[in-house]
Amino acid sequence: MRQLKLNLGALRIVSIRTEVSWEDLELLAFFKREGFALSNRLCLETRVDPTAPLE
């Protein structure tokens, strides 16, 4: 993560955004240790049925 931040900083990138499952506590803990916090965005998803008729 240190090297990634150095590389992105050199490119003038000012933030990193990622998605993590609420259930992956180890990965959440890792990102928290690295300085990540909840953002003001909420990610939503839904499944698409490609066989469903068009309405």
PDB file of N, CA and C in Angstrom:
ATOM      1  N   MET A   1       0.831  -1.173   0.000  1.00  0.00           N
ATOM      2  CA  MET A   1       0.000   0.000   0.000  1.00  0.00           C
ATOM      3  C   MET A   1       0.885   1.251   0.000  1.00  0.00           C
ATOM      4  N   ARG A   2       1.995   1.186   0.730  1.00  0.00           N
ATOM      5  CA  ARG A   2       2.892   2.350   0.760  1.00  0.00           C
ATOM      6  C   ARG A   2       3.384   2.684  -0.648  1.00  0.00           C
ATOM      7  N   GLN A   3       3.812   1.665  -1.378  1.00  0.00           N
ATOM      8  CA  GLN A   3       4.318   1.901  -2.728  1.00  0.00           C
ATOM      9  C   GLN A   3       3.214   2.401  -3.649  1.00  0.00           C
ATOM     10  N   LEU A   4       2.024   1.848  -3.524  1.00  0.00           N
ATOM     11  CA  LEU A   4       0.891   2.303  -4.338  1.00  0.00           C
ATOM     12  C   LEU A   4       0.618   3.783  -4.085  1.00  0.00           C
ATOM     13  N   LYS A   5       0.601   4.167  -2.804  1.00  0.00           N
ATOM     14  CA  LYS A   5       0.347   5.574  -2.468  1.00  0.00           C
ATOM     15  C   LYS A   5       1.452   6.478  -3.019  1.00  0.00           C
ATOM     16  N   LEU A   6       2.708   6.025  -2.944  1.00  0.00           N
ATOM     17  CA  LEU A   6       3.806   6.808  -3.505  1.00  0.00           C
ATOM     18  C   LEU A   6       3.649   6.979  -5.017  1.00  0.00           C
ATOM     19  N   ASN A   7       3.330   5.881  -5.695  1.00  0.00           N
ATOM     20  CA  ASN A   7       3.175   5.932  -7.153  1.00  0.00           C
ATOM     21  C   ASN A   7       2.009   6.826  -7.553  1.00  0.00           C
ATOM     22  N   LEU A   8       0.884   6.683  -6.871  1.00  0.00           N
ATOM     23  CA  LEU A   8      -0.285   7.499  -7.211  1.00  0.00           C
ATOM     24  C   LEU A   8      -0.056   8.969  -6.876  1.00  0.00           C
ATOM     25  N   GLY A   9       0.647   9.219  -5.777  1.00  0.00           N
ATOM     26  CA  GLY A   9       0.985  10.600  -5.421  1.00  0.00           C
ATOM     27  C   GLY A   9       1.841  11.253  -6.488  1.00  0.00           C
ATOM     28  N   ALA A  10       2.771  10.502  -7.057  1.00  0.00           N
ATOM     29  CA  ALA A  10       3.626  11.034  -8.126  1.00  0.00           C
ATOM     30  C   ALA A  10       2.807  11.396  -9.363  1.00  0.00           C
ATOM     31  N   LEU A  11       1.679  10.719  -9.535  1.00  0.00           N
ATOM     32  CA  LEU A  11       0.774  11.023 -10.654  1.00  0.00           C
ATOM     33  C   LEU A  11      -0.256  12.078 -10.291  1.00  0.00           C
ATOM     34  N   ARG A  12      -0.112  12.647  -9.090  1.00  0.00           N
ATOM     35  CA  ARG A  12      -1.013  13.680  -8.564  1.00  0.00           C
ATOM     36  C   ARG A  12      -2.442  13.167  -8.309  1.00  0.00           C
ATOM     37  N   ILE A  13      -2.561  11.865  -8.052  1.00  0.00           N
ATOM     38  CA  ILE A  13      -3.834  11.282  -7.644  1.00  0.00           C
ATOM     39  C   ILE A  13      -4.031  11.652  -6.180  1.00  0.00           C
ATOM     40  N   VAL A  14      -5.192  12.170  -5.814  1.00  0.00           N
ATOM     41  CA  VAL A  14      -5.391  12.664  -4.445  1.00  0.00           C
ATOM     42  C   VAL A  14      -6.248  11.749  -3.575  1.00  0.00           C
ATOM     43  N   SER A  15      -6.887  10.745  -4.172  1.00  0.00           N
ATOM     44  CA  SER A  15      -7.674   9.829  -3.343  1.00  0.00           C
ATOM     45  C   SER A  15      -7.754   8.458  -4.010  1.00  0.00           C
ATOM     46  N   ILE A  16      -7.995   7.459  -3.176  1.00  0.00           N
ATOM     47  CA  ILE A  16      -8.176   6.082  -3.637  1.00  0.00           C
ATOM     48  C   ILE A  16      -9.539   5.627  -3.133  1.00  0.00           C
ATOM     49  N   ARG A  17     -10.309   4.995  -3.994  1.00  0.00           N
ATOM     50  CA  ARG A  17     -11.626   4.478  -3.612  1.00  0.00           C
ATOM     51  C   ARG A  17     -11.642   2.981  -3.892  1.00  0.00           C
ATOM     52  N   THR A  18     -12.228   2.214  -2.989  1.00  0.00           N
ATOM     53  CA  THR A  18     -12.332   0.778  -3.181  1.00  0.00           C
ATOM     54  C   THR A  18     -13.677   0.295  -2.655  1.00  0.00           C
ATOM     55  N   GLU A  19     -14.027  -0.931  -2.996  1.00  0.00           N
ATOM     56  CA  GLU A  19     -15.255  -1.552  -2.498  1.00  0.00           C
ATOM     57  C   GLU A  19     -14.890  -2.814  -1.742  1.00  0.00           C
ATOM     58  N   VAL A  20     -15.525  -3.015  -0.600  1.00  0.00           N
ATOM     59  CA  VAL A  20     -15.254  -4.171   0.240  1.00  0.00           C
ATOM     60  C   VAL A  20     -16.582  -4.700   0.770  1.00  0.00           C
ATOM     61  N   SER A  21     -16.713  -6.008   0.820  1.00  0.00           N
ATOM     62  CA  SER A  21     -17.905  -6.609   1.407  1.00  0.00           C
ATOM     63  C   SER A  21     -17.970  -6.292   2.897  1.00  0.00           C
ATOM     64  N   TRP A  22     -19.159  -5.944   3.395  1.00  0.00           N
ATOM     65  CA  TRP A  22     -19.349  -5.691   4.822  1.00  0.00           C
ATOM     66  C   TRP A  22     -18.964  -6.909   5.646  1.00  0.00           C
ATOM     67  N   GLU A  23     -19.020  -8.081   5.026  1.00  0.00           N
ATOM     68  CA  GLU A  23     -18.761  -9.324   5.747  1.00  0.00           C
ATOM     69  C   GLU A  23     -17.275  -9.687   5.796  1.00  0.00           C
ATOM     70  N   ASP A  24     -16.439  -9.001   5.046  1.00  0.00           N
ATOM     71  CA  ASP A  24     -15.007  -9.297   5.010  1.00  0.00           C
ATOM     72  C   ASP A  24     -14.288  -8.452   6.070  1.00  0.00           C
ATOM     73  N   LEU A  25     -14.402  -8.879   7.305  1.00  0.00           N
ATOM     74  CA  LEU A  25     -13.886  -8.090   8.425  1.00  0.00           C
ATOM     75  C   LEU A  25     -12.374  -7.922   8.387  1.00  0.00           C
ATOM     76  N   GLU A  26     -11.653  -8.930   7.933  1.00  0.00           N
ATOM     77  CA  GLU A  26     -10.195  -8.815   7.863  1.00  0.00           C
ATOM     78  C   GLU A  26      -9.769  -7.757   6.855  1.00  0.00           C
ATOM     79  N   LEU A  27     -10.426  -7.738   5.690  1.00  0.00           N
ATOM     80  CA  LEU A  27     -10.080  -6.748   4.679  1.00  0.00           C
ATOM     81  C   LEU A  27     -10.504  -5.349   5.120  1.00  0.00           C
ATOM     82  N   LEU A  28     -11.660  -5.241   5.765  1.00  0.00           N
ATOM     83  CA  LEU A  28     -12.086  -3.946   6.309  1.00  0.00           C
ATOM     84  C   LEU A  28     -11.070  -3.425   7.324  1.00  0.00           C
ATOM     85  N   ALA A  29     -10.592  -4.321   8.188  1.00  0.00           N
ATOM     86  CA  ALA A  29      -9.602  -3.925   9.192  1.00  0.00           C
ATOM     87  C   ALA A  29      -8.302  -3.474   8.526  1.00  0.00           C
ATOM     88  N   PHE A  30      -7.887  -4.178   7.479  1.00  0.00           N
ATOM     89  CA  PHE A  30      -6.681  -3.789   6.745  1.00  0.00           C
ATOM     90  C   PHE A  30      -6.821  -2.373   6.197  1.00  0.00           C
ATOM     91  N   PHE A  31      -7.929  -2.106   5.505  1.00  0.00           N
ATOM     92  CA  PHE A  31      -8.107  -0.778   4.927  1.00  0.00           C
ATOM     93  C   PHE A  31      -8.212   0.297   6.006  1.00  0.00           C
ATOM     94  N   LYS A  32      -8.831  -0.024   7.128  1.00  0.00           N
ATOM     95  CA  LYS A  32      -8.909   0.950   8.216  1.00  0.00           C
ATOM     96  C   LYS A  32      -7.509   1.283   8.723  1.00  0.00           C
ATOM     97  N   ARG A  33      -6.668   0.263   8.900  1.00  0.00           N
ATOM     98  CA  ARG A  33      -5.283   0.508   9.328  1.00  0.00           C
ATOM     99  C   ARG A  33      -4.528   1.369   8.322  1.00  0.00           C
ATOM    100  N   GLU A  34      -4.892   1.262   7.056  1.00  0.00           N
ATOM    101  CA  GLU A  34      -4.224   2.030   6.001  1.00  0.00           C
ATOM    102  C   GLU A  34      -4.798   3.436   5.843  1.00  0.00           C
ATOM    103  N   GLY A  35      -5.743   3.804   6.710  1.00  0.00           N
ATOM    104  CA  GLY A  35      -6.268   5.170   6.697  1.00  0.00           C
ATOM    105  C   GLY A  35      -7.558   5.361   5.924  1.00  0.00           C
ATOM    106  N   PHE A  36      -8.135   4.284   5.428  1.00  0.00           N
ATOM    107  CA  PHE A  36      -9.405   4.382   4.713  1.00  0.00           C
ATOM    108  C   PHE A  36     -10.550   4.569   5.706  1.00  0.00           C
ATOM    109  N   ALA A  37     -11.594   5.258   5.280  1.00  0.00           N
ATOM    110  CA  ALA A  37     -12.792   5.473   6.095  1.00  0.00           C
ATOM    111  C   ALA A  37     -14.005   5.418   5.178  1.00  0.00           C
ATOM    112  N   LEU A  38     -15.177   5.307   5.775  1.00  0.00           N
ATOM    113  CA  LEU A  38     -16.400   5.301   4.974  1.00  0.00           C
ATOM    114  C   LEU A  38     -16.502   6.588   4.168  1.00  0.00           C
ATOM    115  N   SER A  39     -16.959   6.462   2.937  1.00  0.00           N
ATOM    116  CA  SER A  39     -17.145   7.640   2.093  1.00  0.00           C
ATOM    117  C   SER A  39     -18.607   8.074   2.168  1.00  0.00           C
ATOM    118  N   ASN A  40     -18.921   9.129   1.480  1.00  0.00           N
ATOM    119  CA  ASN A  40     -20.307   9.608   1.462  1.00  0.00           C
ATOM    120  C   ASN A  40     -21.084   9.010   0.291  1.00  0.00           C
ATOM    121  N   ARG A  41     -20.617   7.910  -0.245  1.00  0.00           N
ATOM    122  CA  ARG A  41     -21.288   7.231  -1.355  1.00  0.00           C
ATOM    123  C   ARG A  41     -21.767   5.863  -0.908  1.00  0.00           C
ATOM    124  N   LEU A  42     -22.842   5.417  -1.515  1.00  0.00           N
ATOM    125  CA  LEU A  42     -23.391   4.104  -1.235  1.00  0.00           C
ATOM    126  C   LEU A  42     -23.451   3.330  -2.539  1.00  0.00           C
ATOM    127  N   CYS A  43     -22.880   2.156  -2.563  1.00  0.00           N
ATOM    128  CA  CYS A  43     -22.839   1.333  -3.761  1.00  0.00           C
ATOM    129  C   CYS A  43     -24.029   0.380  -3.748  1.00  0.00           C
ATOM    130  N   LEU A  44     -24.824   0.388  -4.816  1.00  0.00           N
ATOM    131  CA  LEU A  44     -25.982  -0.491  -4.947  1.00  0.00           C
ATOM    132  C   LEU A  44     -25.808  -1.372  -6.174  1.00  0.00           C
ATOM    133  N   GLU A  45     -26.388  -2.564  -6.134  1.00  0.00           N
ATOM    134  CA  GLU A  45     -26.349  -3.425  -7.310  1.00  0.00           C
ATOM    135  C   GLU A  45     -27.615  -4.259  -7.371  1.00  0.00           C
ATOM    136  N   THR A  46     -27.912  -4.754  -8.566  1.00  0.00           N
ATOM    137  CA  THR A  46     -29.036  -5.649  -8.779  1.00  0.00           C
ATOM    138  C   THR A  46     -28.664  -6.642  -9.864  1.00  0.00           C
ATOM    139  N   ARG A  47     -29.319  -7.754  -9.870  1.00  0.00           N
ATOM    140  CA  ARG A  47     -29.084  -8.759 -10.907  1.00  0.00           C
ATOM    141  C   ARG A  47     -29.960  -8.443 -12.117  1.00  0.00           C
ATOM    142  N   VAL A  48     -29.482  -8.859 -13.275  1.00  0.00           N
ATOM    143  CA  VAL A  48     -30.208  -8.687 -14.534  1.00  0.00           C
ATOM    144  C   VAL A  48     -30.496 -10.062 -15.099  1.00  0.00           C
ATOM    145  N   ASP A  49     -31.737 -10.304 -15.490  1.00  0.00           N
ATOM    146  CA  ASP A  49     -32.125 -11.577 -16.103  1.00  0.00           C
ATOM    147  C   ASP A  49     -32.156 -11.384 -17.611  1.00  0.00           C
ATOM    148  N   PRO A  50     -31.148 -11.888 -18.328  1.00  0.00           N
ATOM    149  CA  PRO A  50     -31.088 -11.664 -19.776  1.00  0.00           C
ATOM    150  C   PRO A  50     -32.203 -12.405 -20.531  1.00  0.00           C
ATOM    151  N   THR A  51     -32.901 -13.312 -19.873  1.00  0.00           N
ATOM    152  CA  THR A  51     -33.975 -14.054 -20.550  1.00  0.00           C
ATOM    153  C   THR A  51     -35.338 -13.425 -20.313  1.00  0.00           C
ATOM    154  N   ALA A  52     -35.396 -12.382 -19.475  1.00  0.00           N
ATOM    155  CA  ALA A  52     -36.682 -11.750 -19.191  1.00  0.00           C
ATOM    156  C   ALA A  52     -37.167 -10.961 -20.388  1.00  0.00           C
ATOM    157  N   PRO A  53     -38.476 -11.024 -20.688  1.00  0.00           N
ATOM    158  CA  PRO A  53     -39.008 -10.262 -21.825  1.00  0.00           C
ATOM    159  C   PRO A  53     -38.944  -8.754 -21.559  1.00  0.00           C
ATOM    160  N   LEU A  54     -38.778  -7.988 -22.624  1.00  0.00           N
ATOM    161  CA  LEU A  54     -38.765  -6.540 -22.503  1.00  0.00           C
ATOM    162  C   LEU A  54     -40.171  -6.043 -22.238  1.00  0.00           C
ATOM    163  N   GLU A  55     -40.278  -5.046 -21.403  1.00  0.00           N
ATOM    164  CA  GLU A  55     -41.600  -4.475 -21.106  1.00  0.00           C
ATOM    165  C   GLU A  55     -41.824  -3.201 -21.852  1.00  0.00           C
TER     166      GLU A  55
END
